[in-house]
Structures are given as C-alpha cells and as structure tokens.
Amino acid sequence: MGTVLLLIDNSNIFISGKEKYGDPSARFSYSYFEKICAGNDTIVKKIIAGSTPPSNDRFWTQMEEKDYVLCKRKRVSAGAGHTKEKGVDLELALEGMIAIGELKPSRVVLLTGDADFIPIADIRDKIRAKEGDSFTLDVWAFSNSMSPELAKVSDRVFKIDDYQESLVYFQGEDGRTEGFKEHYARIEEEKAAEREERLKAEQKKVEEEKAEEEKKPIEWYKKVGLAVAAVVGGAVVLVGSAVLAALVDAEIDI
C-alpha cells in the first residue's frame, strides 16, 4: 500500500462542473472522490484551496470537519463591481510542495485542470533526478477544463466525466440533492410530460377547428369555379357562381 497527498483546487472544480453541465446546481462529491482516487492506498494529507465563500455557506466548515487543510483567500476587486481570485493557486502549490518534502508520498493527486500546478511536476522530476525515484502524479479534472500542458507532464490523467455518475450530483436552492442518474431521469420525465401535453393541446385544437367547420352550412354553389354549367329551360348555359347563387336563393328550378 502506498501513501497519497491530495491537492484540490475547489474553484476550478466548482466552476468547470457548472460549465460542463450548464447547470449552476452541479456539485462534486469529495467524499466519493477520496475513495475512488485512493484505491488501496492511504491518504496522508488533504489540502483544499479556494475563495472565501458567503457567510451562509457551510462548505469550508464541513471540509475542515473532514480533516482538510484549508487554503482560503478573500476575493479581490476586478472592477465594475466584479471580484476575482488572487494567489489561491500559488498558495495551494506551495502547501503541496511543503507536504511533499515532509511526507514523501508515493502518489500526489491533483484535482484541477489548471496549468498553474505544473511546478508540482517539476518537483517530481527534480526528486527523480536526484534520488532515482519519485512520486507518481495523477491529475483529475473535467474535460472542459483540462490543461493540455498539465496533462502532458502528469503520469496519469483521469477525466471526471468518466466517473460522473459517482462523483457529480445536483443541489437545489432548498438544499435537497439528486444523484446524477436521478437528476437526468427526472429531467427526461419532465420533457416527456411536456411533449405529451403539447401533443394533446395540438390535437384538441385540430378537433375544435374540425367541429367549427362541421357547423358551417354547406354552400356548395359558392365552392364551384367562376363559371359553372347550368341547365335552364332545357338549354345548357354558362353562368357565374354569383348568378347561380341568386338562382338558388330565388328557388328557381335549374
């Protein structure tokens, strides 16, 4: 059994997950991720970094309760009323390098697709050049945020997309959660119900229009062409439909 150092860029995972599924309620299950990424190895330290959240968000408190080392920084102004992160990736990378030196893990798991963490691979290469061996670098990220440069220098690359049914869930504003399969099954059911209602409405409209048509008197003489053949006094003549209508209204035998 080996040892694992887990480094998590929460902002990268949180934002790329929402973008991946086009759903702001998309969330990532860190507890399941620990089990999947560790396998038979032992996680010796877990470090997570990100921006200071709203005061009513219990995320950081929960992560601390689960023995994560927190690297939090307040967001700074980006102008025009917007804010941005600053220094979060650097702090996580530095904390990771310190932990690598102290714990000498057999594997480092990076949960991010950000190229800012390439220095972790540089540390691995320096240790390998000096000691002949070093840790294995695993990189996990959503496919839409995986840096090609980071993937290139890692030992193994894992796409969260391939494990989404276990690692991704959805949380509504009321706090209720849905598993990945459950969430999309519900959406498909809602779409099917909408299609059925739409078809019913269209069928009802067709039936109503048909009923209205059936109520109208059949004025056959108005449906003929501009000229029709009529028999008057035994002679065949061509008359206009308006004339024919007048003859019918006058009850003239034709």
Protein backbone atom coordinates (compact mmCIF):
# COMPACT_ATOMS: atom_id res chain seq x y z
CA MET A 1 0.00 0.00 0.00
CA GLY A 2 1.19 3.48 -0.86
CA THR A 3 0.51 6.94 0.52
CA VAL A 4 -1.40 9.74 -1.18
CA LEU A 5 -1.23 13.52 -0.92
CA LEU A 6 -4.47 15.09 -2.16
CA LEU A 7 -4.40 18.66 -3.53
CA ILE A 8 -7.73 20.21 -4.54
CA ASP A 9 -8.43 23.44 -6.41
CA ASN A 10 -12.06 23.85 -5.37
CA SER A 11 -12.76 26.87 -7.59
CA ASN A 12 -11.58 25.05 -10.70
CA ILE A 13 -13.76 22.03 -9.98
CA PHE A 14 -16.80 24.06 -8.91
CA ILE A 15 -16.77 26.40 -11.92
CA SER A 16 -15.83 23.83 -14.58
CA GLY A 17 -18.52 21.46 -13.26
CA LYS A 18 -21.23 24.09 -13.64
CA GLU A 19 -19.97 24.93 -17.13
CA LYS A 20 -19.70 21.28 -18.13
CA TYR A 21 -23.35 20.53 -17.37
CA GLY A 22 -24.74 24.00 -17.98
CA ASP A 23 -26.34 23.83 -14.57
CA PRO A 24 -25.49 26.05 -11.57
CA SER A 25 -26.75 23.35 -9.22
CA ALA A 26 -24.00 20.89 -10.25
CA ARG A 27 -21.82 19.78 -7.33
CA PHE A 28 -18.82 17.49 -6.78
CA SER A 29 -18.69 14.71 -4.20
CA TYR A 30 -15.32 14.93 -2.45
CA SER A 31 -16.11 12.03 -0.14
CA TYR A 32 -16.65 9.64 -3.06
CA PHE A 33 -13.64 11.08 -4.84
CA GLU A 34 -11.38 10.20 -1.91
CA LYS A 35 -12.43 6.55 -2.15
CA ILE A 36 -12.03 6.38 -5.93
CA CYS A 37 -8.68 8.15 -6.22
CA ALA A 38 -7.07 6.49 -3.20
CA GLY A 39 -7.99 2.92 -4.04
CA ASN A 40 -5.98 0.69 -1.70
CA ASP A 41 -3.58 3.48 -0.76
CA THR A 42 -3.79 5.70 2.32
CA ILE A 43 -4.44 9.43 2.09
CA VAL A 44 -1.94 11.06 4.45
CA LYS A 45 -2.95 14.68 3.88
CA LYS A 46 -5.75 16.58 2.15
CA ILE A 47 -5.36 20.23 1.17
CA ILE A 48 -8.13 22.24 -0.47
CA ALA A 49 -7.95 25.82 -1.75
CA GLY A 50 -10.48 28.37 -2.90
CA SER A 51 -12.13 31.73 -2.30
CA THR A 52 -13.80 32.75 0.91
CA PRO A 53 -17.50 31.95 0.35
CA PRO A 54 -20.62 33.79 1.56
CA SER A 55 -21.14 33.69 5.32
CA ASN A 56 -24.11 31.32 4.97
CA ASP A 57 -22.11 28.72 3.01
CA ARG A 58 -21.07 25.85 5.32
CA PHE A 59 -18.81 24.25 2.72
CA TRP A 60 -15.49 25.26 4.31
CA THR A 61 -16.64 24.30 7.79
CA GLN A 62 -17.68 20.89 6.54
CA MET A 63 -14.37 20.34 4.75
CA GLU A 64 -12.45 21.30 7.88
CA GLU A 65 -14.53 18.81 9.86
CA LYS A 66 -13.43 16.16 7.34
CA ASP A 67 -9.75 16.86 8.15
CA TYR A 68 -8.94 19.02 5.14
CA VAL A 69 -6.26 21.69 5.44
CA LEU A 70 -7.85 24.89 4.15
CA CYS A 71 -6.17 27.46 1.90
CA LYS A 72 -8.67 30.30 1.73
CA ARG A 73 -8.27 33.77 0.34
CA LYS A 74 -10.72 36.62 0.05
CA ARG A 75 -11.69 37.60 -3.46
CA VAL A 76 -10.34 40.96 -4.66
CA SER A 77 -11.95 43.62 -6.80
CA ALA A 78 -11.80 43.16 -10.55
CA GLY A 79 -13.55 46.45 -11.31
CA ALA A 80 -17.10 47.20 -12.45
CA GLY A 81 -18.49 45.51 -9.35
CA HIS A 82 -16.84 42.16 -10.09
CA THR A 83 -14.37 40.16 -7.99
CA LYS A 84 -11.69 37.59 -8.76
CA GLU A 85 -9.39 35.14 -7.04
CA LYS A 86 -5.80 36.06 -6.43
CA GLY A 87 -2.97 33.92 -5.11
CA VAL A 88 -5.10 30.85 -4.39
CA ASP A 89 -3.35 28.52 -6.86
CA LEU A 90 0.08 29.68 -5.73
CA GLU A 91 -0.73 29.05 -2.08
CA LEU A 92 -2.03 25.56 -2.82
CA ALA A 93 1.04 24.73 -4.91
CA LEU A 94 3.37 25.94 -2.14
CA GLU A 95 1.50 23.99 0.54
CA GLY A 96 1.69 20.94 -1.71
CA MET A 97 5.45 21.29 -2.17
CA ILE A 98 5.98 21.58 1.58
CA ALA A 99 3.84 18.48 2.19
CA ILE A 100 5.77 16.55 -0.48
CA GLY A 101 9.04 17.35 1.28
CA GLU A 102 7.70 16.42 4.71
CA LEU A 103 5.59 13.36 3.91
CA LYS A 104 7.33 11.94 0.83
CA PRO A 105 4.10 10.44 -0.58
CA SER A 106 4.22 7.71 -3.18
CA ARG A 107 1.48 9.48 -5.11
CA VAL A 108 0.23 13.06 -5.47
CA VAL A 109 -3.34 13.53 -6.70
CA LEU A 110 -4.12 16.91 -8.23
CA LEU A 111 -7.83 17.66 -8.52
CA THR A 112 -7.68 20.52 -11.01
CA GLY A 113 -7.10 21.11 -14.70
CA ASP A 114 -5.19 24.36 -14.16
CA ALA A 115 -1.73 24.69 -15.73
CA ASP A 116 -0.64 26.77 -12.71
CA PHE A 117 0.17 23.46 -11.00
CA ILE A 118 2.84 22.35 -13.46
CA PRO A 119 5.50 23.21 -10.79
CA ILE A 120 4.34 20.11 -8.89
CA ALA A 121 5.54 18.04 -11.86
CA ASP A 122 8.82 19.97 -11.83
CA ILE A 123 9.35 18.99 -8.17
CA ARG A 124 8.70 15.34 -9.07
CA ASP A 125 11.30 15.49 -11.84
CA LYS A 126 13.91 17.08 -9.57
CA ILE A 127 13.40 14.43 -6.90
CA ARG A 128 13.57 11.71 -9.53
CA ALA A 129 16.80 13.13 -10.98
CA LYS A 130 18.38 13.35 -7.53
CA GLU A 131 17.12 10.17 -5.87
CA GLY A 132 16.30 7.95 -8.85
CA ASP A 133 12.65 7.68 -7.87
CA SER A 134 9.79 10.00 -7.01
CA PHE A 135 6.05 10.20 -6.52
CA THR A 136 3.51 9.46 -9.24
CA LEU A 137 1.48 12.49 -10.32
CA ASP A 138 -2.21 11.88 -11.03
CA VAL A 139 -4.33 14.68 -12.47
CA TRP A 140 -8.12 14.67 -12.28
CA ALA A 141 -10.30 17.30 -13.99
CA PHE A 142 -13.39 17.83 -16.08
CA SER A 143 -12.62 17.52 -19.79
CA ASN A 144 -13.64 21.13 -20.42
CA SER A 145 -11.00 22.46 -18.01
CA MET A 146 -8.10 20.05 -18.53
CA SER A 147 -4.95 21.94 -19.48
CA PRO A 148 -3.08 20.08 -22.26
CA GLU A 149 0.20 21.30 -20.76
CA LEU A 150 -0.64 19.92 -17.32
CA ALA A 151 -1.89 16.65 -18.79
CA LYS A 152 1.35 16.27 -20.75
CA VAL A 153 3.60 16.41 -17.67
CA SER A 154 1.42 14.20 -15.46
CA ASP A 155 1.93 10.45 -15.07
CA ARG A 156 -1.75 9.64 -15.31
CA VAL A 157 -4.77 11.67 -16.41
CA PHE A 158 -8.34 10.99 -15.31
CA LYS A 159 -11.41 12.71 -16.71
CA ILE A 160 -14.12 13.28 -14.13
CA ASP A 161 -16.60 12.87 -16.98
CA ASP A 162 -15.84 9.14 -16.98
CA TYR A 163 -16.83 8.90 -13.30
CA GLN A 164 -19.64 11.46 -13.32
CA GLU A 165 -22.37 9.09 -12.16
CA SER A 166 -20.46 8.60 -8.90
CA LEU A 167 -18.82 12.00 -8.46
CA VAL A 168 -21.37 14.53 -9.70
CA TYR A 169 -24.66 15.38 -8.02
CA PHE A 170 -27.05 18.33 -8.05
CA GLN A 171 -28.24 20.52 -5.21
CA GLY A 172 -31.28 22.78 -5.37
CA GLU A 173 -31.75 26.11 -3.62
CA ASP A 174 -33.74 24.31 -0.93
CA GLY A 175 -30.69 22.16 -0.14
CA ARG A 176 -32.18 18.95 -1.50
CA THR A 177 -29.79 16.81 -3.54
CA GLU A 178 -30.18 14.48 -6.51
CA GLY A 179 -27.77 11.87 -7.78
CA PHE A 180 -26.53 12.15 -11.36
CA LYS A 181 -28.82 9.45 -12.79
CA GLU A 182 -31.78 10.59 -10.71
CA HIS A 183 -31.34 14.19 -11.85
CA TYR A 184 -31.31 13.42 -15.57
CA ALA A 185 -34.05 10.79 -15.28
CA ARG A 186 -36.30 13.45 -13.73
CA ILE A 187 -35.43 15.93 -16.50
CA GLU A 188 -36.29 13.35 -19.18
CA GLU A 189 -39.60 12.60 -17.46
CA GLU A 190 -40.43 16.31 -17.35
CA LYS A 191 -39.55 16.70 -21.04
CA ALA A 192 -41.70 13.68 -21.94
CA ALA A 193 -44.61 15.11 -19.95
CA GLU A 194 -44.22 18.47 -21.71
CA ARG A 195 -44.20 16.77 -25.13
CA GLU A 196 -47.34 14.83 -24.23
CA GLU A 197 -49.13 17.98 -23.06
CA ARG A 198 -48.10 19.79 -26.24
CA LEU A 199 -49.41 16.95 -28.43
CA LYS A 200 -52.69 16.90 -26.50
CA ALA A 201 -53.07 20.66 -26.96
CA GLU A 202 -52.38 20.39 -30.70
CA GLN A 203 -54.86 17.51 -31.09
CA LYS A 204 -57.50 19.44 -29.17
CA LYS A 205 -57.01 22.44 -31.44
CA VAL A 206 -57.40 20.28 -34.56
CA GLU A 207 -60.59 18.72 -33.20
CA GLU A 208 -62.04 22.13 -32.28
CA GLU A 209 -61.29 23.51 -35.74
CA LYS A 210 -62.89 20.44 -37.33
CA ALA A 211 -66.01 20.86 -35.18
CA GLU A 212 -66.30 24.51 -36.21
CA GLU A 213 -66.07 23.55 -39.87
CA GLU A 214 -68.83 20.98 -39.46
CA LYS A 215 -71.16 23.62 -38.01
CA LYS A 216 -70.95 25.81 -41.12
CA PRO A 217 -73.73 25.36 -43.83
CA ILE A 218 -72.58 23.57 -46.94
CA GLU A 219 -72.90 26.27 -49.62
CA TRP A 220 -71.91 24.05 -52.49
CA TYR A 221 -72.63 26.64 -55.13
CA LYS A 222 -70.05 29.00 -53.65
CA LYS A 223 -67.35 26.38 -53.94
CA VAL A 224 -67.62 25.98 -57.70
CA GLY A 225 -65.41 27.92 -60.14
CA LEU A 226 -66.15 31.30 -61.65
CA ALA A 227 -68.16 29.58 -64.34
CA VAL A 228 -70.40 26.52 -63.96
CA ALA A 229 -72.68 24.62 -66.24
CA ALA A 230 -76.37 25.06 -65.52
CA VAL A 231 -79.48 23.81 -67.24
CA VAL A 232 -82.19 26.44 -67.72
CA GLY A 233 -85.31 25.54 -69.66
CA GLY A 234 -83.57 22.58 -71.21
CA ALA A 235 -80.65 24.66 -72.52
CA VAL A 236 -77.11 24.38 -71.19
CA VAL A 237 -75.58 27.76 -70.40
CA LEU A 238 -72.51 29.01 -68.51
CA VAL A 239 -73.27 31.25 -65.58
CA GLY A 240 -71.12 32.74 -62.86
CA SER A 241 -71.29 31.32 -59.37
CA ALA A 242 -72.86 34.54 -58.06
CA VAL A 243 -75.66 34.22 -60.62
CA LEU A 244 -76.11 30.57 -59.71
CA ALA A 245 -76.34 31.51 -56.05
CA ALA A 246 -79.04 34.06 -56.85
CA LEU A 247 -80.99 31.45 -58.78
CA VAL A 248 -80.80 29.03 -55.89
CA ASP A 249 -81.82 31.70 -53.37
CA ALA A 250 -84.81 32.55 -55.59
CA GLU A 251 -85.73 28.84 -55.65
CA ILE A 252 -85.60 28.74 -59.43
CA ASP A 253 -85.61 25.22 -60.73
CA ILE A 254 -82.31 24.58 -62.52
